[in-house]
Amino acid sequence: MTCFITRTGSFLPGAPVDNERMRDYIGTLDGEEKVKRQVLAMNGIRQRHYAQDSHQSPTHDVYQMAERAVEQCLGDVELAQPITCLSAGSTFTPLSGPGLSSILHSALAKKGIVTHPVEVNSNAGICTSASTALLNAYRAVRTGDHASALCVGTEHASEVLKSSVIQPVHDTEMIESNLKQSKWFMSVFLRFMLSDGAGAVLLQNRPAESGQSFEINWAFAQSFAHEAPLCMKLENRTALLSQDVSILSKHLAPCSKKFVAAAMQRHDESFDDYRIILPHMSSFFFQRKMERVMRQFTRDSDKAIPYWTNLATKGNTGAASIFIMLDEYVRTHSLDEGDRILLFIPESGQFNFMLFSLSVCGPSQIQ
């Protein structure tokens, strides 16, 4: 069986927030101003969106953002095939149970969108949580278990990073001797890295009846937790999100290289085979490292590596990033039938990676 992405959608809450106005939404912490300037200079993010108002009260929760992304994805089109599978992922949800997809199913039913029984699949993790949801939905359609599946990635990072909630550990001696290795820094710097948003895709076993669709040629996923230590975590009891940047710097590039090598070897491909590569890049600080890894898997060393990101203008929305990126790219770029797109999602939680290979196709391929 084949599987196609037939519709995409995304939702970014509120107006874009530039670097100078971040404090209006997530507040300030004592001693963080220098960290803020350094992190923003390195990550290259110029604006982002928050599901918070100026009083740090949520304007949307993670479920509502997911709901809005689904509405943008499906629009008012009447589907020929009913959605029978709902798969979603996020790093943070207010409720550990029931699963994200169960609560989203209820919300969508109230909106008259999915008003019948469906199979649900809820996924946790860091940046690959929603990509795992996509992988599961892809396999469900490809095996023939479902003709149509809805997949959603949604993140509300500001809810745990805003100054009224976050309680970073103040390990004073470490802060004074080695700031970047302190537990305080590992949680505080993420306040200037992450933001909010949601994205959705519709998967079907045939292309859409109008417009372009994207056949998923293959998907590839590998974890390197067997050889790399824990790097990024969200603690349930404290809701404290933290990342060890020294572990990230040491393991991200080597693990990425091994992962990409395994994927390209299995499918006998190189990055030259793609019109564009959409990488989930958490910071422009990693741009050159990413390019060096990608360069090793191109046949023409003089050819520019074709990749695109909206990190600077949409921010790092974690697990939702790849959905938001794909939606913006296909809406703002002209694509020809046969063009290929590669989605690349690395996760630093404990170094899990995913690739999705897509090909552009038109309604003429419906049989």
Protein backbone atom coordinates (compact mmCIF):
# COMPACT_ATOMS: atom_id res chain seq x y z
CA MET A 1 0.00 0.00 0.00
CA THR A 2 1.03 3.62 -0.48
CA CYS A 3 0.64 6.58 1.84
CA PHE A 4 0.27 10.25 0.93
CA ILE A 5 0.24 13.51 2.85
CA THR A 6 -2.78 15.14 1.23
CA ARG A 7 -3.26 18.22 3.42
CA THR A 8 -1.16 20.26 5.84
CA GLY A 9 -2.02 22.93 8.41
CA SER A 10 -0.51 24.88 11.27
CA PHE A 11 -1.46 27.25 14.05
CA LEU A 12 0.76 29.87 15.69
CA PRO A 13 -0.90 31.70 18.60
CA GLY A 14 -1.02 35.47 18.78
CA ALA A 15 1.10 38.02 16.93
CA PRO A 16 4.83 37.45 16.32
CA VAL A 17 6.93 38.41 19.34
CA ASP A 18 10.37 39.91 18.67
CA ASN A 19 13.38 39.55 20.96
CA GLU A 20 12.79 42.85 22.76
CA ARG A 21 9.22 41.94 23.71
CA MET A 22 9.83 38.44 25.01
CA ARG A 23 9.82 39.65 28.61
CA ASP A 24 6.25 40.91 28.12
CA TYR A 25 5.09 37.30 27.70
CA ILE A 26 7.44 35.06 29.66
CA GLY A 27 8.69 37.57 32.25
CA THR A 28 12.22 37.93 33.62
CA LEU A 29 14.39 36.11 36.12
CA ASP A 30 17.14 37.59 38.26
CA GLY A 31 20.56 37.26 36.66
CA GLU A 32 19.42 35.98 33.28
CA GLU A 33 19.93 39.09 31.10
CA LYS A 34 23.48 38.18 30.03
CA VAL A 35 22.39 34.62 29.24
CA LYS A 36 19.49 35.97 27.20
CA ARG A 37 21.74 38.17 25.06
CA GLN A 38 24.22 35.36 24.42
CA VAL A 39 21.61 32.73 23.60
CA LEU A 40 19.64 34.99 21.24
CA ALA A 41 22.85 36.01 19.46
CA MET A 42 23.67 32.35 18.83
CA ASN A 43 20.28 30.86 18.00
CA GLY A 44 19.35 33.44 15.32
CA ILE A 45 15.67 33.50 16.25
CA ARG A 46 14.19 36.94 15.55
CA GLN A 47 10.55 36.29 16.42
CA ARG A 48 8.29 33.59 17.76
CA HIS A 49 4.74 33.05 19.06
CA TYR A 50 3.47 32.51 22.59
CA ALA A 51 0.14 31.14 23.78
CA GLN A 52 0.36 33.63 26.67
CA ASP A 53 -0.86 37.15 27.24
CA SER A 54 1.07 39.95 28.93
CA HIS A 55 -0.06 38.65 32.33
CA GLN A 56 1.40 35.20 31.56
CA SER A 57 -2.11 33.73 31.40
CA PRO A 58 -2.56 31.13 28.64
CA THR A 59 -4.52 32.20 25.58
CA HIS A 60 -4.61 28.58 24.38
CA ASP A 61 -3.58 25.28 25.91
CA VAL A 62 -1.72 22.54 24.05
CA TYR A 63 -4.98 20.79 23.15
CA GLN A 64 -6.61 23.94 21.77
CA MET A 65 -3.58 24.69 19.60
CA ALA A 66 -3.73 21.15 18.24
CA GLU A 67 -7.43 21.62 17.52
CA ARG A 68 -6.78 24.87 15.62
CA ALA A 69 -4.01 23.23 13.56
CA VAL A 70 -6.42 20.45 12.57
CA GLU A 71 -9.02 23.02 11.52
CA GLN A 72 -6.40 24.75 9.35
CA CYS A 73 -5.37 21.40 7.88
CA LEU A 74 -8.81 20.09 6.99
CA GLY A 75 -10.54 23.38 6.17
CA ASP A 76 -14.07 22.94 4.90
CA VAL A 77 -13.22 20.13 2.47
CA GLU A 78 -15.52 17.12 2.67
CA LEU A 79 -13.30 14.05 2.85
CA ALA A 80 -14.05 11.08 0.62
CA GLN A 81 -12.54 8.78 3.24
CA PRO A 82 -13.40 9.17 6.94
CA ILE A 83 -10.52 9.64 9.38
CA THR A 84 -10.18 6.42 11.37
CA CYS A 85 -6.83 7.00 13.07
CA LEU A 86 -5.72 9.97 15.18
CA SER A 87 -2.04 10.13 16.11
CA ALA A 88 -0.46 13.00 18.05
CA GLY A 89 2.67 13.92 19.97
CA SER A 90 3.99 16.60 22.31
CA THR A 91 6.72 17.21 24.86
CA PHE A 92 4.41 18.74 27.45
CA THR A 93 0.71 18.17 28.16
CA PRO A 94 -1.07 19.38 31.30
CA LEU A 95 -2.46 15.88 31.86
CA SER A 96 -0.22 12.81 31.82
CA GLY A 97 -3.34 10.79 31.20
CA PRO A 98 -5.50 10.32 29.29
CA GLY A 99 -3.34 10.62 26.21
CA LEU A 100 -3.12 13.71 24.03
CA SER A 101 -5.00 12.05 21.17
CA SER A 102 -7.92 11.05 23.40
CA ILE A 103 -8.44 14.62 24.62
CA LEU A 104 -7.97 15.96 21.10
CA HIS A 105 -10.52 13.46 19.76
CA SER A 106 -13.07 14.79 22.27
CA ALA A 107 -12.33 18.41 21.29
CA LEU A 108 -12.61 17.66 17.58
CA ALA A 109 -15.91 15.84 18.12
CA LYS A 110 -17.35 18.93 19.83
CA LYS A 111 -16.36 20.94 16.75
CA GLY A 112 -18.09 18.40 14.50
CA ILE A 113 -14.80 17.36 12.88
CA VAL A 114 -14.22 13.78 14.08
CA THR A 115 -17.55 12.62 15.46
CA HIS A 116 -17.09 8.85 15.22
CA PRO A 117 -14.90 6.21 16.90
CA VAL A 118 -11.24 6.25 15.85
CA GLU A 119 -8.04 4.49 16.81
CA VAL A 120 -5.90 6.86 18.89
CA ASN A 121 -2.15 6.95 19.32
CA SER A 122 -0.48 9.35 21.79
CA ASN A 123 3.28 9.89 21.81
CA ALA A 124 5.62 11.45 24.36
CA GLY A 125 9.24 12.54 24.07
CA ILE A 126 11.06 15.70 23.10
CA CYS A 127 11.41 16.88 19.48
CA THR A 128 10.58 13.51 17.88
CA SER A 129 7.39 12.88 19.85
CA ALA A 130 5.17 14.19 17.04
CA SER A 131 7.40 12.64 14.37
CA THR A 132 6.87 9.29 16.09
CA ALA A 133 3.16 10.01 15.80
CA LEU A 134 3.68 10.59 12.07
CA LEU A 135 5.67 7.37 11.75
CA ASN A 136 2.91 5.39 13.44
CA ALA A 137 0.20 6.98 11.30
CA TYR A 138 2.24 6.38 8.13
CA ARG A 139 2.62 2.70 8.97
CA ALA A 140 -1.07 2.40 9.83
CA VAL A 141 -2.04 3.68 6.37
CA ARG A 142 0.73 1.88 4.49
CA THR A 143 -0.17 -1.51 5.96
CA GLY A 144 -3.80 -1.01 4.97
CA ASP A 145 -5.16 -0.91 8.52
CA HIS A 146 -6.45 2.62 7.86
CA ALA A 147 -7.34 4.51 4.68
CA SER A 148 -7.07 7.93 6.33
CA ALA A 149 -5.16 9.13 9.40
CA LEU A 150 -4.79 12.52 11.05
CA CYS A 151 -1.44 13.38 12.65
CA VAL A 152 -0.73 16.33 14.96
CA GLY A 153 2.29 17.88 16.70
CA THR A 154 1.68 20.52 19.35
CA GLU A 155 3.85 22.35 21.89
CA HIS A 156 3.21 24.83 24.72
CA ALA A 157 6.76 25.38 25.99
CA SER A 158 6.00 28.80 27.48
CA GLU A 159 3.68 27.19 30.01
CA VAL A 160 6.66 25.62 31.81
CA LEU A 161 9.25 28.29 30.95
CA LYS A 162 7.47 31.50 32.00
CA SER A 163 8.86 33.26 35.06
CA SER A 164 5.70 32.71 37.13
CA VAL A 165 6.11 28.93 36.87
CA ILE A 166 9.75 27.96 36.31
CA GLN A 167 11.76 27.11 39.42
CA PRO A 168 15.36 26.58 38.29
CA VAL A 169 17.86 25.09 40.71
CA HIS A 170 20.22 27.75 42.09
CA ASP A 171 23.51 25.83 42.43
CA THR A 172 25.43 28.98 43.34
CA GLU A 173 28.94 27.52 43.43
CA MET A 174 28.59 25.97 39.98
CA ILE A 175 27.05 29.16 38.57
CA GLU A 176 30.09 31.09 39.73
CA SER A 177 32.71 28.55 38.61
CA ASN A 178 31.21 27.14 35.39
CA LEU A 179 27.96 28.85 34.35
CA LYS A 180 27.12 26.61 31.37
CA GLN A 181 27.50 23.46 33.47
CA SER A 182 25.21 24.76 36.20
CA LYS A 183 21.72 23.33 36.61
CA TRP A 184 20.43 26.91 36.68
CA PHE A 185 21.79 27.67 33.19
CA MET A 186 20.60 24.34 31.74
CA SER A 187 17.00 25.28 32.42
CA VAL A 188 17.08 29.09 32.11
CA PHE A 189 18.66 29.28 28.64
CA LEU A 190 15.77 27.28 27.16
CA ARG A 191 13.47 30.24 27.91
CA PHE A 192 15.06 31.97 24.91
CA MET A 193 15.05 28.91 22.67
CA LEU A 194 11.53 27.50 22.71
CA SER A 195 8.07 28.80 21.82
CA ASP A 196 4.53 27.65 21.03
CA GLY A 197 2.61 26.30 18.07
CA ALA A 198 0.98 23.28 16.46
CA GLY A 199 0.83 21.59 13.07
CA ALA A 200 -1.17 18.83 11.44
CA VAL A 201 -1.09 16.62 8.36
CA LEU A 202 -3.70 14.36 6.81
CA LEU A 203 -2.48 10.98 5.55
CA GLN A 204 -4.45 8.95 3.01
CA ASN A 205 -3.89 5.86 0.91
CA ARG A 206 -4.33 7.81 -2.32
CA PRO A 207 -3.51 11.35 -3.49
CA ALA A 208 -5.97 14.19 -3.00
CA GLU A 209 -8.55 14.71 -5.72
CA SER A 210 -7.21 18.22 -6.36
CA GLY A 211 -3.94 20.00 -5.73
CA GLN A 212 -0.62 18.46 -4.81
CA SER A 213 -0.03 15.56 -2.48
CA PHE A 214 3.19 14.13 -1.09
CA GLU A 215 3.84 10.42 -1.26
CA ILE A 216 5.85 9.15 1.70
CA ASN A 217 8.48 7.04 -0.03
CA TRP A 218 10.07 5.79 3.17
CA ALA A 219 10.65 6.62 6.80
CA PHE A 220 13.71 5.82 8.89
CA ALA A 221 14.22 6.15 12.65
CA GLN A 222 17.01 5.27 15.06
CA SER A 223 17.80 5.92 18.72
CA PHE A 224 21.36 6.19 20.02
CA ALA A 225 20.41 6.04 23.70
CA HIS A 226 22.53 2.88 23.98
CA GLU A 227 25.70 4.96 23.57
CA ALA A 228 24.79 8.56 24.41
CA PRO A 229 23.79 9.89 27.85
CA LEU A 230 20.58 11.68 28.76
CA CYS A 231 20.77 15.23 27.41
CA MET A 232 17.36 16.92 27.65
CA LYS A 233 14.56 16.10 30.07
CA LEU A 234 11.24 17.34 31.44
CA GLU A 235 10.67 16.34 35.07
CA ASN A 236 7.09 15.40 35.90
CA ARG A 237 7.07 16.54 39.52
CA THR A 238 8.62 19.95 38.96
CA ALA A 239 7.80 20.54 35.25
CA LEU A 240 11.43 21.70 34.96
CA LEU A 241 12.77 21.41 31.42
CA SER A 242 16.55 21.28 31.13
CA GLN A 243 19.28 20.43 28.63
CA ASP A 244 22.99 19.71 29.13
CA VAL A 245 24.70 21.69 26.36
CA SER A 246 28.04 19.90 26.81
CA ILE A 247 26.42 16.53 26.10
CA LEU A 248 24.60 18.07 23.15
CA SER A 249 27.81 19.46 21.63
CA LYS A 250 29.67 16.18 22.08
CA HIS A 251 27.10 13.73 20.74
CA LEU A 252 24.79 15.51 18.27
CA ALA A 253 27.06 15.58 15.23
CA PRO A 254 28.56 12.05 15.58
CA CYS A 255 25.14 10.47 16.18
CA SER A 256 23.63 12.46 13.29
CA LYS A 257 26.36 11.22 10.97
CA LYS A 258 25.82 7.56 11.93
CA PHE A 259 22.08 7.92 11.54
CA VAL A 260 22.17 9.61 8.13
CA ALA A 261 24.77 7.12 6.88
CA ALA A 262 22.52 4.21 7.85
CA ALA A 263 19.48 5.78 6.18
CA MET A 264 21.25 6.70 2.94
CA GLN A 265 22.88 3.28 2.70
CA ARG A 266 19.63 1.42 3.26
CA HIS A 267 17.83 3.41 0.54
CA ASP A 268 20.84 3.90 -1.77
CA GLU A 269 20.36 7.68 -1.86
CA SER A 270 22.19 10.93 -1.22
CA PHE A 271 21.01 14.43 -0.37
CA ASP A 272 21.51 15.32 -4.05
CA ASP A 273 18.35 13.33 -4.81
CA TYR A 274 16.20 15.95 -3.08
CA ARG A 275 14.78 19.27 -4.24
CA ILE A 276 14.83 20.51 -0.63
CA ILE A 277 15.71 19.29 2.85
CA LEU A 278 13.66 20.56 5.78
CA PRO A 279 15.69 20.05 8.98
CA HIS A 280 14.37 20.65 12.45
CA MET A 281 17.20 22.89 13.64
CA SER A 282 16.95 24.12 17.21
CA SER A 283 19.47 26.93 16.74
CA PHE A 284 21.51 28.48 13.95
CA PHE A 285 24.48 27.76 16.23
CA PHE A 286 24.34 24.22 14.79
CA GLN A 287 24.03 25.33 11.17
CA ARG A 288 27.65 24.72 10.17
CA LYS A 289 27.81 21.40 12.01
CA MET A 290 24.64 20.31 10.24
CA GLU A 291 26.01 21.40 6.86
CA ARG A 292 29.23 19.45 7.45
CA VAL A 293 27.24 16.30 8.21
CA MET A 294 25.04 16.80 5.17
CA ARG A 295 28.03 17.50 2.94
CA GLN A 296 29.33 14.00 3.56
CA PHE A 297 26.23 12.56 1.93
CA THR A 298 26.26 14.53 -1.33
CA ARG A 299 27.83 13.30 -4.56
CA ASP A 300 28.73 16.78 -5.80
CA SER A 301 30.89 18.53 -3.20
CA ASP A 302 30.66 21.85 -5.05
CA LYS A 303 26.87 21.90 -5.14
CA ALA A 304 25.06 24.00 -2.55
CA ILE A 305 23.11 21.91 -0.05
CA PRO A 306 19.42 22.64 -0.62
CA TYR A 307 17.79 23.14 2.75
CA TRP A 308 15.23 25.55 4.17
CA THR A 309 14.09 26.50 7.65
CA ASN A 310 11.70 29.03 9.17
CA LEU A 311 13.47 28.98 12.55
CA ALA A 312 14.26 32.71 12.46
CA THR A 313 10.64 33.80 11.97
CA LYS A 314 8.56 31.03 13.57
CA GLY A 315 10.92 30.04 16.39
CA ASN A 316 11.74 26.60 17.72
CA THR A 317 8.39 24.94 18.41
CA GLY A 318 9.94 21.61 19.35
CA ALA A 319 7.96 18.59 18.20
CA ALA A 320 5.59 20.79 16.20
CA SER A 321 8.41 22.42 14.22
CA ILE A 322 8.59 19.95 11.34
CA PHE A 323 4.81 20.17 10.76
CA ILE A 324 4.84 23.97 10.87
CA MET A 325 7.87 24.06 8.57
CA LEU A 326 6.37 21.69 6.00
CA ASP A 327 3.07 23.60 5.97
CA GLU A 328 4.76 26.95 5.36
CA TYR A 329 7.14 25.59 2.75
CA VAL A 330 4.50 23.92 0.58
CA ARG A 331 2.26 27.00 0.81
CA THR A 332 4.98 29.47 -0.17
CA HIS A 333 7.04 27.57 -2.74
CA SER A 334 6.25 26.28 -6.20
CA LEU A 335 6.82 22.55 -6.50
CA ASP A 336 6.79 20.32 -9.56
CA GLU A 337 5.49 16.80 -9.78
CA GLY A 338 8.32 14.43 -8.94
CA ASP A 339 10.20 16.88 -6.71
CA ARG A 340 11.45 15.22 -3.56
CA ILE A 341 11.47 16.61 -0.01
CA LEU A 342 13.40 15.18 2.93
CA LEU A 343 12.23 15.84 6.49
CA PHE A 344 15.03 15.54 9.06
CA ILE A 345 14.18 15.52 12.76
CA PRO A 346 16.95 15.12 15.34
CA GLU A 347 16.14 14.94 19.05
CA SER A 348 18.60 15.62 21.84
CA GLY A 349 16.51 14.00 24.60
CA GLN A 350 18.72 10.94 24.37
CA PHE A 351 19.57 11.28 20.69
CA ASN A 352 16.71 9.92 18.64
CA PHE A 353 16.54 10.73 14.91
CA MET A 354 13.97 10.48 12.10
CA LEU A 355 13.90 10.99 8.34
CA PHE A 356 10.87 11.06 6.04
CA SER A 357 11.30 10.96 2.26
CA LEU A 358 8.48 12.62 0.29
CA SER A 359 7.72 12.96 -3.42
CA VAL A 360 5.38 15.55 -4.91
CA CYS A 361 2.52 14.08 -6.91
CA GLY A 362 -0.68 15.39 -8.44
CA PRO A 363 -4.28 14.20 -8.63
CA SER A 364 -3.53 12.68 -12.03
CA GLN A 365 -2.02 9.71 -10.22
CA ILE A 366 -5.31 8.64 -8.70
CA GLN A 367 -6.22 5.23 -10.09
